């Protein structure tokens, strides 16, 4: 499985390098305070990285909430198991 992931990563990197090599032309990036002229590949790589970071930030709240809920459920399960063990050790009286 690791080899498959590495090969997929290698293919993506090689495709990105080929794309950058075939598209070295500068593009105009207009923003509020000026204009820059980076190569197309660099502009797209920056957009990809910015999108990935925004996606991670968007999902971070859900992941943290689920981790907290999971920890709470584990604690409740541990307490329930301790209670069951304590009840099993109590002798039965008729």
C-alpha atoms as a PDB file:
ATOM      1  CA  UNK A   1       0.000   0.000   0.000  1.00  0.00           C
ATOM      2  CA  UNK A   2       2.872   2.374   0.825  1.00  0.00           C
ATOM      3  CA  UNK A   3       4.454   1.644  -2.535  1.00  0.00           C
ATOM      4  CA  UNK A   4       1.187   2.443  -4.301  1.00  0.00           C
ATOM      5  CA  UNK A   5       0.888   5.768  -2.452  1.00  0.00           C
ATOM      6  CA  UNK A   6       4.507   6.618  -3.255  1.00  0.00           C
ATOM      7  CA  UNK A   7       3.990   5.805  -6.935  1.00  0.00           C
ATOM      8  CA  UNK A   8       0.836   7.948  -7.056  1.00  0.00           C
ATOM      9  CA  UNK A   9       2.729  10.817  -5.413  1.00  0.00           C
ATOM     10  CA  UNK A  10       5.602  10.397  -7.858  1.00  0.00           C
ATOM     11  CA  UNK A  11       3.221  10.490 -10.840  1.00  0.00           C
ATOM     12  CA  UNK A  12       1.590  13.687  -9.553  1.00  0.00           C
ATOM     13  CA  UNK A  13       4.985  15.324  -9.016  1.00  0.00           C
ATOM     14  CA  UNK A  14       6.187  14.306 -12.480  1.00  0.00           C
ATOM     15  CA  UNK A  15       2.996  15.617 -14.072  1.00  0.00           C
ATOM     16  CA  UNK A  16       3.417  18.881 -12.189  1.00  0.00           C
ATOM     17  CA  UNK A  17       7.022  19.202 -13.334  1.00  0.00           C
ATOM     18  CA  UNK A  18       6.020  18.480 -16.922  1.00  0.00           C
ATOM     19  CA  UNK A  19       3.240  21.054 -16.695  1.00  0.00           C
ATOM     20  CA  UNK A  20       5.632  23.656 -15.330  1.00  0.00           C
ATOM     21  CA  UNK A  21       8.191  22.895 -18.016  1.00  0.00           C
ATOM     22  CA  UNK A  22       5.613  23.187 -20.800  1.00  0.00           C
ATOM     23  CA  UNK A  23       4.062  26.421 -19.421  1.00  0.00           C
ATOM     24  CA  UNK A  24       6.893  28.778 -18.409  1.00  0.00           C
ATOM     25  CA  UNK A  25       4.999  31.897 -19.531  1.00  0.00           C
ATOM     26  CA  UNK A  26       4.371  34.569 -16.899  1.00  0.00           C
ATOM     27  CA  UNK A  27       0.833  35.445 -15.884  1.00  0.00           C
ATOM     28  CA  UNK A  28      -0.456  38.668 -14.341  1.00  0.00           C
ATOM     29  CA  UNK A  29      -1.689  38.362 -10.766  1.00  0.00           C
ATOM     30  CA  UNK A  30      -3.581  41.503  -9.796  1.00  0.00           C
ATOM     31  CA  UNK A  31      -4.207  42.011  -6.107  1.00  0.00           C
ATOM     32  CA  UNK A  32      -5.215  45.040  -4.109  1.00  0.00           C
ATOM     33  CA  UNK A  33      -1.723  46.416  -3.586  1.00  0.00           C
ATOM     34  CA  UNK A  34      -0.033  45.675  -6.896  1.00  0.00           C
ATOM     35  CA  UNK A  35       0.639  43.268  -9.711  1.00  0.00           C
ATOM     36  CA  UNK A  36       3.094  40.393  -9.937  1.00  0.00           C
ATOM     37  CA  UNK A  37       4.149  38.272 -12.909  1.00  0.00           C
ATOM     38  CA  UNK A  38       4.946  34.729 -11.701  1.00  0.00           C
ATOM     39  CA  UNK A  39       5.137  31.736 -14.055  1.00  0.00           C
ATOM     40  CA  UNK A  40       1.826  29.940 -14.623  1.00  0.00           C
ATOM     41  CA  UNK A  41       3.013  26.801 -12.832  1.00  0.00           C
ATOM     42  CA  UNK A  42       3.988  28.789  -9.737  1.00  0.00           C
ATOM     43  CA  UNK A  43       0.648  30.612  -9.676  1.00  0.00           C
ATOM     44  CA  UNK A  44      -1.282  27.343  -9.930  1.00  0.00           C
ATOM     45  CA  UNK A  45       0.895  25.681  -7.293  1.00  0.00           C
ATOM     46  CA  UNK A  46       0.226  28.588  -4.943  1.00  0.00           C
ATOM     47  CA  UNK A  47      -3.503  28.325  -5.575  1.00  0.00           C
ATOM     48  CA  UNK A  48      -3.383  24.568  -4.940  1.00  0.00           C
ATOM     49  CA  UNK A  49      -1.511  25.008  -1.661  1.00  0.00           C
ATOM     50  CA  UNK A  50      -3.854  27.803  -0.531  1.00  0.00           C
ATOM     51  CA  UNK A  51      -6.887  25.648  -1.339  1.00  0.00           C
ATOM     52  CA  UNK A  52      -5.453  22.665   0.525  1.00  0.00           C
ATOM     53  CA  UNK A  53      -4.737  24.801   3.598  1.00  0.00           C
ATOM     54  CA  UNK A  54      -8.238  26.292   3.537  1.00  0.00           C
ATOM     55  CA  UNK A  55      -9.713  22.795   3.208  1.00  0.00           C
ATOM     56  CA  UNK A  56      -7.705  21.576   6.191  1.00  0.00           C
ATOM     57  CA  UNK A  57      -8.807  24.568   8.252  1.00  0.00           C
ATOM     58  CA  UNK A  58     -12.432  24.008   7.258  1.00  0.00           C
ATOM     59  CA  UNK A  59     -12.331  20.369   8.396  1.00  0.00           C
ATOM     60  CA  UNK A  60     -10.274  20.970  11.528  1.00  0.00           C
ATOM     61  CA  UNK A  61     -13.283  21.914  13.666  1.00  0.00           C
ATOM     62  CA  UNK A  62     -15.100  18.702  12.796  1.00  0.00           C
ATOM     63  CA  UNK A  63     -12.032  16.564  13.460  1.00  0.00           C
ATOM     64  CA  UNK A  64     -11.408  18.171  16.850  1.00  0.00           C
ATOM     65  CA  UNK A  65     -15.061  17.800  17.851  1.00  0.00           C
ATOM     66  CA  UNK A  66     -15.048  14.116  16.891  1.00  0.00           C
ATOM     67  CA  UNK A  67     -11.790  13.499  18.781  1.00  0.00           C
ATOM     68  CA  UNK A  68     -13.274  15.106  21.902  1.00  0.00           C
ATOM     69  CA  UNK A  69     -16.466  13.040  21.536  1.00  0.00           C
ATOM     70  CA  UNK A  70     -14.413   9.873  21.030  1.00  0.00           C
ATOM     71  CA  UNK A  71     -12.393  10.548  24.199  1.00  0.00           C
ATOM     72  CA  UNK A  72     -15.605  11.114  26.170  1.00  0.00           C
ATOM     73  CA  UNK A  73     -17.126   7.867  24.882  1.00  0.00           C
ATOM     74  CA  UNK A  74     -13.962   5.936  25.746  1.00  0.00           C
ATOM     75  CA  UNK A  75     -14.062   7.362  29.278  1.00  0.00           C
ATOM     76  CA  UNK A  76     -17.733   6.376  29.660  1.00  0.00           C
ATOM     77  CA  UNK A  77     -17.023   2.859  28.363  1.00  0.00           C
ATOM     78  CA  UNK A  78     -14.134   2.472  30.829  1.00  0.00           C
ATOM     79  CA  UNK A  79     -16.332   3.630  33.721  1.00  0.00           C
ATOM     80  CA  UNK A  80     -19.118   1.249  32.664  1.00  0.00           C
ATOM     81  CA  UNK A  81     -16.655  -1.660  32.487  1.00  0.00           C
ATOM     82  CA  UNK A  82     -15.343  -0.817  35.974  1.00  0.00           C
ATOM     83  CA  UNK A  83     -18.893  -0.665  37.306  1.00  0.00           C
ATOM     84  CA  UNK A  84     -19.727  -4.050  35.790  1.00  0.00           C
ATOM     85  CA  UNK A  85     -16.605  -5.588  37.354  1.00  0.00           C
ATOM     86  CA  UNK A  86     -17.556  -4.100  40.729  1.00  0.00           C
ATOM     87  CA  UNK A  87     -21.103  -5.473  40.462  1.00  0.00           C
ATOM     88  CA  UNK A  88     -19.782  -8.935  39.569  1.00  0.00           C
ATOM     89  CA  UNK A  89     -17.667  -9.011  42.722  1.00  0.00           C
ATOM     90  CA  UNK A  90     -20.658  -8.344  45.032  1.00  0.00           C
ATOM     91  CA  UNK A  91     -22.030 -11.598  46.462  1.00  0.00           C
ATOM     92  CA  UNK A  92     -25.655 -12.440  45.716  1.00  0.00           C
ATOM     93  CA  UNK A  93     -27.912 -12.564  48.799  1.00  0.00           C
ATOM     94  CA  UNK A  94     -31.194 -14.472  48.849  1.00  0.00           C
END
